Amino acid sequence: MKLKSICLILFIPFGSSASTLETTAENLTSCIFHYADVNINTSKDSKETSDEAFGHCSDKLIQYRESIGPDEQQWKGLSIEQKKMITKQRDITVTKLKEAMRDQLASYTSEKRNSK
């Protein structure tokens, strides 16, 4: 999926394990789109579906966010300033990711509904 590529391109520079990052990206994407599939026959619009999907998949979103940057052991050795900078980057990246996923989810939902 395009989303997986977006996720990996944005996060590898921060030193996270590529396999951990890829796994958390796949888990999040699967959860979000599974939620969309389950709700495809409802009258919810794509914004409502995506908002609910992110709520439903919040644990996967947290795991994904935490996989950006240093692992837990590396985190302990960072200064407060470094931690603030990484936290800010995590927040920015997750916000951009959610925006991209909302767009993809809207297209996906429209295609699925129109094919029925």
PDB file of N, CA and C in Angstrom:
ATOM      1  N   MET A   1       0.825  -1.192   0.000  1.00  0.00           N
ATOM      2  CA  MET A   1       0.000   0.000   0.000  1.00  0.00           C
ATOM      3  C   MET A   1       0.863   1.247   0.000  1.00  0.00           C
ATOM      4  N   LYS A   2       0.354   2.311  -0.549  1.00  0.00           N
ATOM      5  CA  LYS A   2       1.066   3.579  -0.574  1.00  0.00           C
ATOM      6  C   LYS A   2       1.404   4.042   0.829  1.00  0.00           C
ATOM      7  N   LEU A   3       0.490   3.826   1.755  1.00  0.00           N
ATOM      8  CA  LEU A   3       0.671   4.299   3.115  1.00  0.00           C
ATOM      9  C   LEU A   3       1.916   3.710   3.749  1.00  0.00           C
ATOM     10  N   LYS A   4       2.130   2.434   3.542  1.00  0.00           N
ATOM     11  CA  LYS A   4       3.295   1.778   4.113  1.00  0.00           C
ATOM     12  C   LYS A   4       4.562   2.462   3.625  1.00  0.00           C
ATOM     13  N   SER A   5       4.626   2.790   2.358  1.00  0.00           N
ATOM     14  CA  SER A   5       5.786   3.477   1.806  1.00  0.00           C
ATOM     15  C   SER A   5       5.965   4.842   2.438  1.00  0.00           C
ATOM     16  N   ILE A   6       4.874   5.569   2.609  1.00  0.00           N
ATOM     17  CA  ILE A   6       4.927   6.885   3.245  1.00  0.00           C
ATOM     18  C   ILE A   6       5.489   6.753   4.649  1.00  0.00           C
ATOM     19  N   CYS A   7       4.993   5.789   5.396  1.00  0.00           N
ATOM     20  CA  CYS A   7       5.424   5.593   6.775  1.00  0.00           C
ATOM     21  C   CYS A   7       6.913   5.315   6.853  1.00  0.00           C
ATOM     22  N   LEU A   8       7.393   4.415   6.029  1.00  0.00           N
ATOM     23  CA  LEU A   8       8.789   4.025   6.097  1.00  0.00           C
ATOM     24  C   LEU A   8       9.715   5.139   5.646  1.00  0.00           C
ATOM     25  N   ILE A   9       9.344   5.879   4.642  1.00  0.00           N
ATOM     26  CA  ILE A   9      10.178   6.978   4.162  1.00  0.00           C
ATOM     27  C   ILE A   9      10.331   8.039   5.243  1.00  0.00           C
ATOM     28  N   LEU A  10       9.278   8.330   5.960  1.00  0.00           N
ATOM     29  CA  LEU A  10       9.324   9.383   6.969  1.00  0.00           C
ATOM     30  C   LEU A  10      10.117   8.997   8.206  1.00  0.00           C
ATOM     31  N   PHE A  11      10.166   7.716   8.552  1.00  0.00           N
ATOM     32  CA  PHE A  11      10.692   7.356   9.857  1.00  0.00           C
ATOM     33  C   PHE A  11      12.081   6.773   9.901  1.00  0.00           C
ATOM     34  N   ILE A  12      12.564   6.210   8.859  1.00  0.00           N
ATOM     35  CA  ILE A  12      13.867   5.569   8.900  1.00  0.00           C
ATOM     36  C   ILE A  12      14.977   6.531   9.326  1.00  0.00           C
ATOM     37  N   PRO A  13      14.958   7.814   8.931  1.00  0.00           N
ATOM     38  CA  PRO A  13      16.019   8.715   9.361  1.00  0.00           C
ATOM     39  C   PRO A  13      16.128   8.893  10.875  1.00  0.00           C
ATOM     40  N   PHE A  14      15.127   8.536  11.621  1.00  0.00           N
ATOM     41  CA  PHE A  14      15.175   8.734  13.058  1.00  0.00           C
ATOM     42  C   PHE A  14      15.760   7.555  13.808  1.00  0.00           C
ATOM     43  N   GLY A  15      16.224   6.537  13.122  1.00  0.00           N
ATOM     44  CA  GLY A  15      16.958   5.470  13.758  1.00  0.00           C
ATOM     45  C   GLY A  15      16.128   4.307  14.258  1.00  0.00           C
ATOM     46  N   SER A  16      14.872   4.274  13.968  1.00  0.00           N
ATOM     47  CA  SER A  16      14.071   3.159  14.443  1.00  0.00           C
ATOM     48  C   SER A  16      14.414   1.912  13.659  1.00  0.00           C
ATOM     49  N   SER A  17      14.136   0.789  14.260  1.00  0.00           N
ATOM     50  CA  SER A  17      14.332  -0.475  13.583  1.00  0.00           C
ATOM     51  C   SER A  17      13.340  -0.558  12.433  1.00  0.00           C
ATOM     52  N   ALA A  18      13.843  -0.788  11.246  1.00  0.00           N
ATOM     53  CA  ALA A  18      12.969  -0.835  10.069  1.00  0.00           C
ATOM     54  C   ALA A  18      11.928  -1.934  10.202  1.00  0.00           C
ATOM     55  N   SER A  19      12.314  -3.069  10.770  1.00  0.00           N
ATOM     56  CA  SER A  19      11.343  -4.166  10.892  1.00  0.00           C
ATOM     57  C   SER A  19      10.252  -3.831  11.903  1.00  0.00           C
ATOM     58  N   THR A  20      10.600  -3.184  13.003  1.00  0.00           N
ATOM     59  CA  THR A  20       9.599  -2.776  13.989  1.00  0.00           C
ATOM     60  C   THR A  20       8.671  -1.733  13.392  1.00  0.00           C
ATOM     61  N   LEU A  21       9.237  -0.787  12.722  1.00  0.00           N
ATOM     62  CA  LEU A  21       8.453   0.267  12.091  1.00  0.00           C
ATOM     63  C   LEU A  21       7.521  -0.307  11.032  1.00  0.00           C
ATOM     64  N   GLU A  22       8.043  -1.207  10.219  1.00  0.00           N
ATOM     65  CA  GLU A  22       7.226  -1.822   9.171  1.00  0.00           C
ATOM     66  C   GLU A  22       6.089  -2.633   9.786  1.00  0.00           C
ATOM     67  N   THR A  23       6.383  -3.374  10.822  1.00  0.00           N
ATOM     68  CA  THR A  23       5.357  -4.186  11.480  1.00  0.00           C
ATOM     69  C   THR A  23       4.266  -3.316  12.079  1.00  0.00           C
ATOM     70  N   THR A  24       4.650  -2.254  12.770  1.00  0.00           N
ATOM     71  CA  THR A  24       3.636  -1.389  13.378  1.00  0.00           C
ATOM     72  C   THR A  24       2.829  -0.657  12.312  1.00  0.00           C
ATOM     73  N   ALA A  25       3.471  -0.275  11.202  1.00  0.00           N
ATOM     74  CA  ALA A  25       2.750   0.374  10.095  1.00  0.00           C
ATOM     75  C   ALA A  25       1.739  -0.589   9.484  1.00  0.00           C
ATOM     76  N   GLU A  26       2.150  -1.832   9.288  1.00  0.00           N
ATOM     77  CA  GLU A  26       1.239  -2.836   8.726  1.00  0.00           C
ATOM     78  C   GLU A  26       0.074  -3.113   9.672  1.00  0.00           C
ATOM     79  N   ASN A  27       0.370  -3.224  10.966  1.00  0.00           N
ATOM     80  CA  ASN A  27      -0.690  -3.480  11.948  1.00  0.00           C
ATOM     81  C   ASN A  27      -1.704  -2.344  11.987  1.00  0.00           C
ATOM     82  N   LEU A  28      -1.211  -1.116  11.962  1.00  0.00           N
ATOM     83  CA  LEU A  28      -2.101   0.044  11.979  1.00  0.00           C
ATOM     84  C   LEU A  28      -2.949   0.098  10.711  1.00  0.00           C
ATOM     85  N   THR A  29      -2.312  -0.066   9.575  1.00  0.00           N
ATOM     86  CA  THR A  29      -3.033  -0.028   8.304  1.00  0.00           C
ATOM     87  C   THR A  29      -4.098  -1.114   8.242  1.00  0.00           C
ATOM     88  N   SER A  30      -3.736  -2.319   8.657  1.00  0.00           N
ATOM     89  CA  SER A  30      -4.702  -3.429   8.651  1.00  0.00           C
ATOM     90  C   SER A  30      -5.887  -3.132   9.548  1.00  0.00           C
ATOM     91  N   CYS A  31      -5.623  -2.610  10.719  1.00  0.00           N
ATOM     92  CA  CYS A  31      -6.692  -2.293  11.668  1.00  0.00           C
ATOM     93  C   CYS A  31      -7.630  -1.228  11.099  1.00  0.00           C
ATOM     94  N   ILE A  32      -7.066  -0.160  10.558  1.00  0.00           N
ATOM     95  CA  ILE A  32      -7.867   0.944  10.017  1.00  0.00           C
ATOM     96  C   ILE A  32      -8.745   0.471   8.854  1.00  0.00           C
ATOM     97  N   PHE A  33      -8.149  -0.254   7.923  1.00  0.00           N
ATOM     98  CA  PHE A  33      -8.913  -0.676   6.751  1.00  0.00           C
ATOM     99  C   PHE A  33      -9.872  -1.818   7.067  1.00  0.00           C
ATOM    100  N   HIS A  34      -9.560  -2.628   8.053  1.00  0.00           N
ATOM    101  CA  HIS A  34     -10.522  -3.646   8.500  1.00  0.00           C
ATOM    102  C   HIS A  34     -11.750  -2.951   9.095  1.00  0.00           C
ATOM    103  N   TYR A  35     -11.513  -1.925   9.884  1.00  0.00           N
ATOM    104  CA  TYR A  35     -12.624  -1.170  10.460  1.00  0.00           C
ATOM    105  C   TYR A  35     -13.478  -0.560   9.346  1.00  0.00           C
ATOM    106  N   ALA A  36     -12.826  -0.028   8.328  1.00  0.00           N
ATOM    107  CA  ALA A  36     -13.561   0.552   7.193  1.00  0.00           C
ATOM    108  C   ALA A  36     -14.386  -0.514   6.479  1.00  0.00           C
ATOM    109  N   ASP A  37     -13.806  -1.690   6.285  1.00  0.00           N
ATOM    110  CA  ASP A  37     -14.536  -2.782   5.625  1.00  0.00           C
ATOM    111  C   ASP A  37     -15.784  -3.172   6.402  1.00  0.00           C
ATOM    112  N   VAL A  38     -15.650  -3.252   7.712  1.00  0.00           N
ATOM    113  CA  VAL A  38     -16.785  -3.633   8.558  1.00  0.00           C
ATOM    114  C   VAL A  38     -17.895  -2.586   8.479  1.00  0.00           C
ATOM    115  N   ASN A  39     -17.522  -1.334   8.271  1.00  0.00           N
ATOM    116  CA  ASN A  39     -18.496  -0.234   8.251  1.00  0.00           C
ATOM    117  C   ASN A  39     -18.855   0.246   6.852  1.00  0.00           C
ATOM    118  N   ILE A  40     -18.504  -0.512   5.835  1.00  0.00           N
ATOM    119  CA  ILE A  40     -18.712  -0.081   4.454  1.00  0.00           C
ATOM    120  C   ILE A  40     -20.189   0.077   4.109  1.00  0.00           C
ATOM    121  N   ASN A  41     -21.046  -0.718   4.718  1.00  0.00           N
ATOM    122  CA  ASN A  41     -22.483  -0.670   4.399  1.00  0.00           C
ATOM    123  C   ASN A  41     -23.272   0.280   5.290  1.00  0.00           C
ATOM    124  N   THR A  42     -22.576   1.066   6.090  1.00  0.00           N
ATOM    125  CA  THR A  42     -23.269   2.040   6.932  1.00  0.00           C
ATOM    126  C   THR A  42     -23.420   3.351   6.170  1.00  0.00           C
ATOM    127  N   SER A  43     -24.154   4.261   6.740  1.00  0.00           N
ATOM    128  CA  SER A  43     -24.337   5.571   6.095  1.00  0.00           C
ATOM    129  C   SER A  43     -23.305   6.593   6.576  1.00  0.00           C
ATOM    130  N   LYS A  44     -22.315   6.146   7.318  1.00  0.00           N
ATOM    131  CA  LYS A  44     -21.291   7.067   7.827  1.00  0.00           C
ATOM    132  C   LYS A  44     -20.472   7.631   6.672  1.00  0.00           C
ATOM    133  N   ASP A  45     -20.119   8.918   6.802  1.00  0.00           N
ATOM    134  CA  ASP A  45     -19.231   9.487   5.794  1.00  0.00           C
ATOM    135  C   ASP A  45     -17.792   9.087   6.121  1.00  0.00           C
ATOM    136  N   SER A  46     -16.888   9.370   5.197  1.00  0.00           N
ATOM    137  CA  SER A  46     -15.512   8.907   5.373  1.00  0.00           C
ATOM    138  C   SER A  46     -14.820   9.560   6.564  1.00  0.00           C
ATOM    139  N   LYS A  47     -15.144  10.806   6.872  1.00  0.00           N
ATOM    140  CA  LYS A  47     -14.535  11.466   8.030  1.00  0.00           C
ATOM    141  C   LYS A  47     -14.957  10.774   9.313  1.00  0.00           C
ATOM    142  N   GLU A  48     -16.237  10.488   9.428  1.00  0.00           N
ATOM    143  CA  GLU A  48     -16.735   9.810  10.622  1.00  0.00           C
ATOM    144  C   GLU A  48     -16.118   8.412  10.739  1.00  0.00           C
ATOM    145  N   THR A  49     -16.054   7.706   9.627  1.00  0.00           N
ATOM    146  CA  THR A  49     -15.453   6.371   9.638  1.00  0.00           C
ATOM    147  C   THR A  49     -13.991   6.435  10.043  1.00  0.00           C
ATOM    148  N   SER A  50     -13.236   7.387   9.492  1.00  0.00           N
ATOM    149  CA  SER A  50     -11.815   7.469   9.831  1.00  0.00           C
ATOM    150  C   SER A  50     -11.605   7.891  11.278  1.00  0.00           C
ATOM    151  N   ASP A  51     -12.403   8.836  11.769  1.00  0.00           N
ATOM    152  CA  ASP A  51     -12.291   9.230  13.177  1.00  0.00           C
ATOM    153  C   ASP A  51     -12.544   8.038  14.090  1.00  0.00           C
ATOM    154  N   GLU A  52     -13.593   7.291  13.790  1.00  0.00           N
ATOM    155  CA  GLU A  52     -13.912   6.113  14.593  1.00  0.00           C
ATOM    156  C   GLU A  52     -12.836   5.039  14.451  1.00  0.00           C
ATOM    157  N   ALA A  53     -12.298   4.891  13.246  1.00  0.00           N
ATOM    158  CA  ALA A  53     -11.257   3.886  13.015  1.00  0.00           C
ATOM    159  C   ALA A  53     -10.015   4.197  13.844  1.00  0.00           C
ATOM    160  N   PHE A  54      -9.613   5.460  13.881  1.00  0.00           N
ATOM    161  CA  PHE A  54      -8.446   5.820  14.684  1.00  0.00           C
ATOM    162  C   PHE A  54      -8.716   5.613  16.170  1.00  0.00           C
ATOM    163  N   GLY A  55      -9.932   5.853  16.603  1.00  0.00           N
ATOM    164  CA  GLY A  55     -10.294   5.558  17.989  1.00  0.00           C
ATOM    165  C   GLY A  55     -10.254   4.071  18.261  1.00  0.00           C
ATOM    166  N   HIS A  56     -10.824   3.302  17.344  1.00  0.00           N
ATOM    167  CA  HIS A  56     -10.859   1.846  17.471  1.00  0.00           C
ATOM    168  C   HIS A  56      -9.445   1.251  17.465  1.00  0.00           C
ATOM    169  N   CYS A  57      -8.555   1.848  16.693  1.00  0.00           N
ATOM    170  CA  CYS A  57      -7.191   1.333  16.524  1.00  0.00           C
ATOM    171  C   CYS A  57      -6.167   2.151  17.314  1.00  0.00           C
ATOM    172  N   SER A  58      -6.596   2.802  18.371  1.00  0.00           N
ATOM    173  CA  SER A  58      -5.702   3.704  19.111  1.00  0.00           C
ATOM    174  C   SER A  58      -4.470   2.992  19.657  1.00  0.00           C
ATOM    175  N   ASP A  59      -4.617   1.742  20.081  1.00  0.00           N
ATOM    176  CA  ASP A  59      -3.451   1.015  20.583  1.00  0.00           C
ATOM    177  C   ASP A  59      -2.414   0.808  19.478  1.00  0.00           C
ATOM    178  N   LYS A  60      -2.869   0.539  18.268  1.00  0.00           N
ATOM    179  CA  LYS A  60      -1.953   0.363  17.125  1.00  0.00           C
ATOM    180  C   LYS A  60      -1.296   1.696  16.756  1.00  0.00           C
ATOM    181  N   LEU A  61      -2.049   2.781  16.874  1.00  0.00           N
ATOM    182  CA  LEU A  61      -1.509   4.104  16.581  1.00  0.00           C
ATOM    183  C   LEU A  61      -0.425   4.473  17.596  1.00  0.00           C
ATOM    184  N   ILE A  62      -0.651   4.150  18.852  1.00  0.00           N
ATOM    185  CA  ILE A  62       0.351   4.417  19.893  1.00  0.00           C
ATOM    186  C   ILE A  62       1.613   3.601  19.633  1.00  0.00           C
ATOM    187  N   GLN A  63       1.450   2.323  19.310  1.00  0.00           N
ATOM    188  CA  GLN A  63       2.614   1.476  19.014  1.00  0.00           C
ATOM    189  C   GLN A  63       3.389   2.026  17.821  1.00  0.00           C
ATOM    190  N   TYR A  64       2.665   2.465  16.819  1.00  0.00           N
ATOM    191  CA  TYR A  64       3.290   3.038  15.630  1.00  0.00           C
ATOM    192  C   TYR A  64       4.069   4.303  15.998  1.00  0.00           C
ATOM    193  N   ARG A  65       3.448   5.176  16.762  1.00  0.00           N
ATOM    194  CA  ARG A  65       4.089   6.429  17.172  1.00  0.00           C
ATOM    195  C   ARG A  65       5.371   6.149  17.946  1.00  0.00           C
ATOM    196  N   GLU A  66       5.303   5.182  18.850  1.00  0.00           N
ATOM    197  CA  GLU A  66       6.461   4.868  19.678  1.00  0.00           C
ATOM    198  C   GLU A  66       7.575   4.178  18.892  1.00  0.00           C
ATOM    199  N   SER A  67       7.248   3.620  17.728  1.00  0.00           N
ATOM    200  CA  SER A  67       8.277   2.965  16.918  1.00  0.00           C
ATOM    201  C   SER A  67       9.090   3.974  16.110  1.00  0.00           C
ATOM    202  N   ILE A  68       8.663   5.217  16.113  1.00  0.00           N
ATOM    203  CA  ILE A  68       9.384   6.276  15.407  1.00  0.00           C
ATOM    204  C   ILE A  68      10.529   6.741  16.298  1.00  0.00           C
ATOM    205  N   GLY A  69      11.737   6.688  15.784  1.00  0.00           N
ATOM    206  CA  GLY A  69      12.877   7.171  16.538  1.00  0.00           C
ATOM    207  C   GLY A  69      13.550   6.086  17.347  1.00  0.00           C
ATOM    208  N   PRO A  70      14.204   6.493  18.418  1.00  0.00           N
ATOM    209  CA  PRO A  70      14.998   5.540  19.192  1.00  0.00           C
ATOM    210  C   PRO A  70      14.128   4.531  19.931  1.00  0.00           C
ATOM    211  N   ASP A  71      14.731   3.368  20.187  1.00  0.00           N
ATOM    212  CA  ASP A  71      14.016   2.380  20.985  1.00  0.00           C
ATOM    213  C   ASP A  71      14.063   2.794  22.457  1.00  0.00           C
ATOM    214  N   GLU A  72      13.420   2.019  23.302  1.00  0.00           N
ATOM    215  CA  GLU A  72      13.293   2.385  24.719  1.00  0.00           C
ATOM    216  C   GLU A  72      14.653   2.539  25.402  1.00  0.00           C
ATOM    217  N   GLN A  73      15.587   1.655  25.110  1.00  0.00           N
ATOM    218  CA  GLN A  73      16.913   1.723  25.717  1.00  0.00           C
ATOM    219  C   GLN A  73      17.648   2.986  25.273  1.00  0.00           C
ATOM    220  N   GLN A  74      17.583   3.304  23.987  1.00  0.00           N
ATOM    221  CA  GLN A  74      18.231   4.514  23.475  1.00  0.00           C
ATOM    222  C   GLN A  74      17.578   5.767  24.052  1.00  0.00           C
ATOM    223  N   TRP A  75      16.260   5.718  24.218  1.00  0.00           N
ATOM    224  CA  TRP A  75      15.495   6.854  24.734  1.00  0.00           C
ATOM    225  C   TRP A  75      16.023   7.277  26.102  1.00  0.00           C
ATOM    226  N   LYS A  76      16.377   6.301  26.927  1.00  0.00           N
ATOM    227  CA  LYS A  76      16.853   6.587  28.289  1.00  0.00           C
ATOM    228  C   LYS A  76      18.124   7.425  28.290  1.00  0.00           C
ATOM    229  N   GLY A  77      18.931   7.301  27.245  1.00  0.00           N
ATOM    230  CA  GLY A  77      20.190   8.030  27.191  1.00  0.00           C
ATOM    231  C   GLY A  77      20.101   9.417  26.571  1.00  0.00           C
ATOM    232  N   LEU A  78      18.922   9.822  26.166  1.00  0.00           N
ATOM    233  CA  LEU A  78      18.770  11.119  25.510  1.00  0.00           C
ATOM    234  C   LEU A  78      18.577  12.253  26.512  1.00  0.00           C
ATOM    235  N   SER A  79      18.963  13.441  26.101  1.00  0.00           N
ATOM    236  CA  SER A  79      18.731  14.628  26.925  1.00  0.00           C
ATOM    237  C   SER A  79      17.260  15.024  26.828  1.00  0.00           C
ATOM    238  N   ILE A  80      16.837  15.883  27.729  1.00  0.00           N
ATOM    239  CA  ILE A  80      15.455  16.369  27.713  1.00  0.00           C
ATOM    240  C   ILE A  80      15.165  17.084  26.396  1.00  0.00           C
ATOM    241  N   GLU A  81      16.115  17.871  25.926  1.00  0.00           N
ATOM    242  CA  GLU A  81      15.930  18.594  24.665  1.00  0.00           C
ATOM    243  C   GLU A  81      15.759  17.619  23.493  1.00  0.00           C
ATOM    244  N   GLN A  82      16.573  16.577  23.460  1.00  0.00           N
ATOM    245  CA  GLN A  82      16.452  15.579  22.392  1.00  0.00           C
ATOM    246  C   GLN A  82      15.097  14.873  22.454  1.00  0.00           C
ATOM    247  N   LYS A  83      14.664  14.542  23.655  1.00  0.00           N
ATOM    248  CA  LYS A  83      13.365  13.877  23.821  1.00  0.00           C
ATOM    249  C   LYS A  83      12.224  14.776  23.348  1.00  0.00           C
ATOM    250  N   LYS A  84      12.317  16.067  23.675  1.00  0.00           N
ATOM    251  CA  LYS A  84      11.285  17.010  23.228  1.00  0.00           C
ATOM    252  C   LYS A  84      11.253  17.096  21.709  1.00  0.00           C
ATOM    253  N   MET A  85      12.429  17.136  21.094  1.00  0.00           N
ATOM    254  CA  MET A  85      12.513  17.238  19.645  1.00  0.00           C
ATOM    255  C   MET A  85      11.926  15.981  18.978  1.00  0.00           C
ATOM    256  N   ILE A  86      12.255  14.823  19.500  1.00  0.00           N
ATOM    257  CA  ILE A  86      11.738  13.575  18.933  1.00  0.00           C
ATOM    258  C   ILE A  86      10.235  13.467  19.167  1.00  0.00           C
ATOM    259  N   THR A  87       9.777  13.865  20.342  1.00  0.00           N
ATOM    260  CA  THR A  87       8.340  13.839  20.630  1.00  0.00           C
ATOM    261  C   THR A  87       7.591  14.749  19.662  1.00  0.00           C
ATOM    262  N   LYS A  88       8.143  15.925  19.416  1.00  0.00           N
ATOM    263  CA  LYS A  88       7.516  16.857  18.473  1.00  0.00           C
ATOM    264  C   LYS A  88       7.472  16.243  17.078  1.00  0.00           C
ATOM    265  N   GLN A  89       8.573  15.618  16.657  1.00  0.00           N
ATOM    266  CA  GLN A  89       8.613  14.994  15.331  1.00  0.00           C
ATOM    267  C   GLN A  89       7.618  13.839  15.247  1.00  0.00           C
ATOM    268  N   ARG A  90       7.498  13.062  16.313  1.00  0.00           N
ATOM    269  CA  ARG A  90       6.511  11.977  16.340  1.00  0.00           C
ATOM    270  C   ARG A  90       5.101  12.533  16.160  1.00  0.00           C
ATOM    271  N   ASP A  91       4.804  13.606  16.882  1.00  0.00           N
ATOM    272  CA  ASP A  91       3.468  14.214  16.788  1.00  0.00           C
ATOM    273  C   ASP A  91       3.181  14.729  15.380  1.00  0.00           C
ATOM    274  N   ILE A  92       4.153  15.417  14.798  1.00  0.00           N
ATOM    275  CA  ILE A  92       3.992  15.948  13.441  1.00  0.00           C
ATOM    276  C   ILE A  92       3.786  14.808  12.448  1.00  0.00           C
ATOM    277  N   THR A  93       4.596  13.777  12.576  1.00  0.00           N
ATOM    278  CA  THR A  93       4.527  12.654  11.647  1.00  0.00           C
ATOM    279  C   THR A  93       3.208  11.917  11.760  1.00  0.00           C
ATOM    280  N   VAL A  94       2.737  11.692  12.983  1.00  0.00           N
ATOM    281  CA  VAL A  94       1.460  11.001  13.173  1.00  0.00           C
ATOM    282  C   VAL A  94       0.317  11.845  12.615  1.00  0.00           C
ATOM    283  N   THR A  95       0.380  13.145  12.796  1.00  0.00           N
ATOM    284  CA  THR A  95      -0.649  14.023  12.232  1.00  0.00           C
ATOM    285  C   THR A  95      -0.673  13.917  10.708  1.00  0.00           C
ATOM    286  N   LYS A  96       0.502  13.958  10.090  1.00  0.00           N
ATOM    287  CA  LYS A  96       0.577  13.836   8.629  1.00  0.00           C
ATOM    288  C   LYS A  96       0.101  12.463   8.169  1.00  0.00           C
ATOM    289  N   LEU A  97       0.452  11.452   8.917  1.00  0.00           N
ATOM    290  CA  LEU A  97       0.020  10.096   8.588  1.00  0.00           C
ATOM    291  C   LEU A  97      -1.498   9.981   8.634  1.00  0.00           C
ATOM    292  N   LYS A  98      -2.099  10.526   9.680  1.00  0.00           N
ATOM    293  CA  LYS A  98      -3.557  10.469   9.805  1.00  0.00           C
ATOM    294  C   LYS A  98      -4.234  11.199   8.646  1.00  0.00           C
ATOM    295  N   GLU A  99      -3.676  12.333   8.245  1.00  0.00           N
ATOM    296  CA  GLU A  99      -4.230  13.066   7.100  1.00  0.00           C
ATOM    297  C   GLU A  99      -4.151  12.217   5.833  1.00  0.00           C
ATOM    298  N   ALA A 100      -3.008  11.592   5.611  1.00  0.00           N
ATOM    299  CA  ALA A 100      -2.837  10.751   4.422  1.00  0.00           C
ATOM    300  C   ALA A 100      -3.775   9.548   4.466  1.00  0.00           C
ATOM    301  N   MET A 101      -3.908   8.951   5.636  1.00  0.00           N
ATOM    302  CA  MET A 101      -4.788   7.788   5.760  1.00  0.00           C
ATOM    303  C   MET A 101      -6.246   8.180   5.572  1.00  0.00           C
ATOM    304  N   ARG A 102      -6.626   9.344   6.050  1.00  0.00           N
ATOM    305  CA  ARG A 102      -8.013   9.806   5.857  1.00  0.00           C
ATOM    306  C   ARG A 102      -8.327   9.936   4.370  1.00  0.00           C
ATOM    307  N   ASP A 103      -7.384  10.499   3.618  1.00  0.00           N
ATOM    308  CA  ASP A 103      -7.577  10.629   2.171  1.00  0.00           C
ATOM    309  C   ASP A 103      -7.693   9.262   1.510  1.00  0.00           C
ATOM    310  N   GLN A 104      -6.807   8.349   1.882  1.00  0.00           N
ATOM    311  CA  GLN A 104      -6.855   7.002   1.310  1.00  0.00           C
ATOM    312  C   GLN A 104      -8.130   6.278   1.715  1.00  0.00           C
ATOM    313  N   LEU A 105      -8.532   6.463   2.953  1.00  0.00           N
ATOM    314  CA  LEU A 105      -9.740   5.814   3.452  1.00  0.00           C
ATOM    315  C   LEU A 105     -10.977   6.337   2.727  1.00  0.00           C
ATOM    316  N   ALA A 106     -11.012   7.621   2.452  1.00  0.00           N
ATOM    317  CA  ALA A 106     -12.143   8.200   1.717  1.00  0.00           C
ATOM    318  C   ALA A 106     -12.227   7.599   0.314  1.00  0.00           C
ATOM    319  N   SER A 107     -11.094   7.501  -0.364  1.00  0.00           N
ATOM    320  CA  SER A 107     -11.073   6.901  -1.703  1.00  0.00           C
ATOM    321  C   SER A 107     -11.466   5.434  -1.647  1.00  0.00           C
ATOM    322  N   TYR A 108     -10.922   4.733  -0.692  1.00  0.00           N
ATOM    323  CA  TYR A 108     -11.200   3.304  -0.525  1.00  0.00           C
ATOM    324  C   TYR A 108     -12.691   3.070  -0.269  1.00  0.00           C
ATOM    325  N   THR A 109     -13.252   3.855   0.637  1.00  0.00           N
ATOM    326  CA  THR A 109     -14.668   3.719   0.981  1.00  0.00           C
ATOM    327  C   THR A 109     -15.549   4.013  -0.231  1.00  0.00           C
ATOM    328  N   SER A 110     -15.228   5.069  -0.959  1.00  0.00           N
ATOM    329  CA  SER A 110     -16.006   5.419  -2.156  1.00  0.00           C
ATOM    330  C   SER A 110     -15.956   4.304  -3.195  1.00  0.00           C
ATOM    331  N   GLU A 111     -14.768   3.785  -3.445  1.00  0.00           N
ATOM    332  CA  GLU A 111     -14.618   2.707  -4.423  1.00  0.00           C
ATOM    333  C   GLU A 111     -15.413   1.473  -4.014  1.00  0.00           C
ATOM    334  N   LYS A 112     -15.316   1.107  -2.746  1.00  0.00           N
ATOM    335  CA  LYS A 112     -16.031  -0.082  -2.254  1.00  0.00           C
ATOM    336  C   LYS A 112     -17.541   0.106  -2.364  1.00  0.00           C
ATOM    337  N   ARG A 113     -18.008   1.272  -1.975  1.00  0.00           N
ATOM    338  CA  ARG A 113     -19.456   1.526  -2.020  1.00  0.00           C
ATOM    339  C   ARG A 113     -19.967   1.581  -3.452  1.00  0.00           C
ATOM    340  N   ASN A 114     -19.194   2.140  -4.347  1.00  0.00           N
ATOM    341  CA  ASN A 114     -19.611   2.246  -5.750  1.00  0.00           C
ATOM    342  C   ASN A 114     -19.565   0.904  -6.476  1.00  0.00           C
ATOM    343  N   SER A 115     -18.766  -0.023  -5.974  1.00  0.00           N
ATOM    344  CA  SER A 115     -18.657  -1.324  -6.634  1.00  0.00           C
ATOM    345  C   SER A 115     -19.789  -2.268  -6.248  1.00  0.00           C
ATOM    346  N   LYS A 116     -20.603  -1.868  -5.291  1.00  0.00           N
ATOM    347  CA  LYS A 116     -21.706  -2.733  -4.840  1.00  0.00           C
ATOM    348  C   LYS A 116     -22.967  -2.441  -5.584  1.00  0.00           C
TER     349      LYS A 116
END
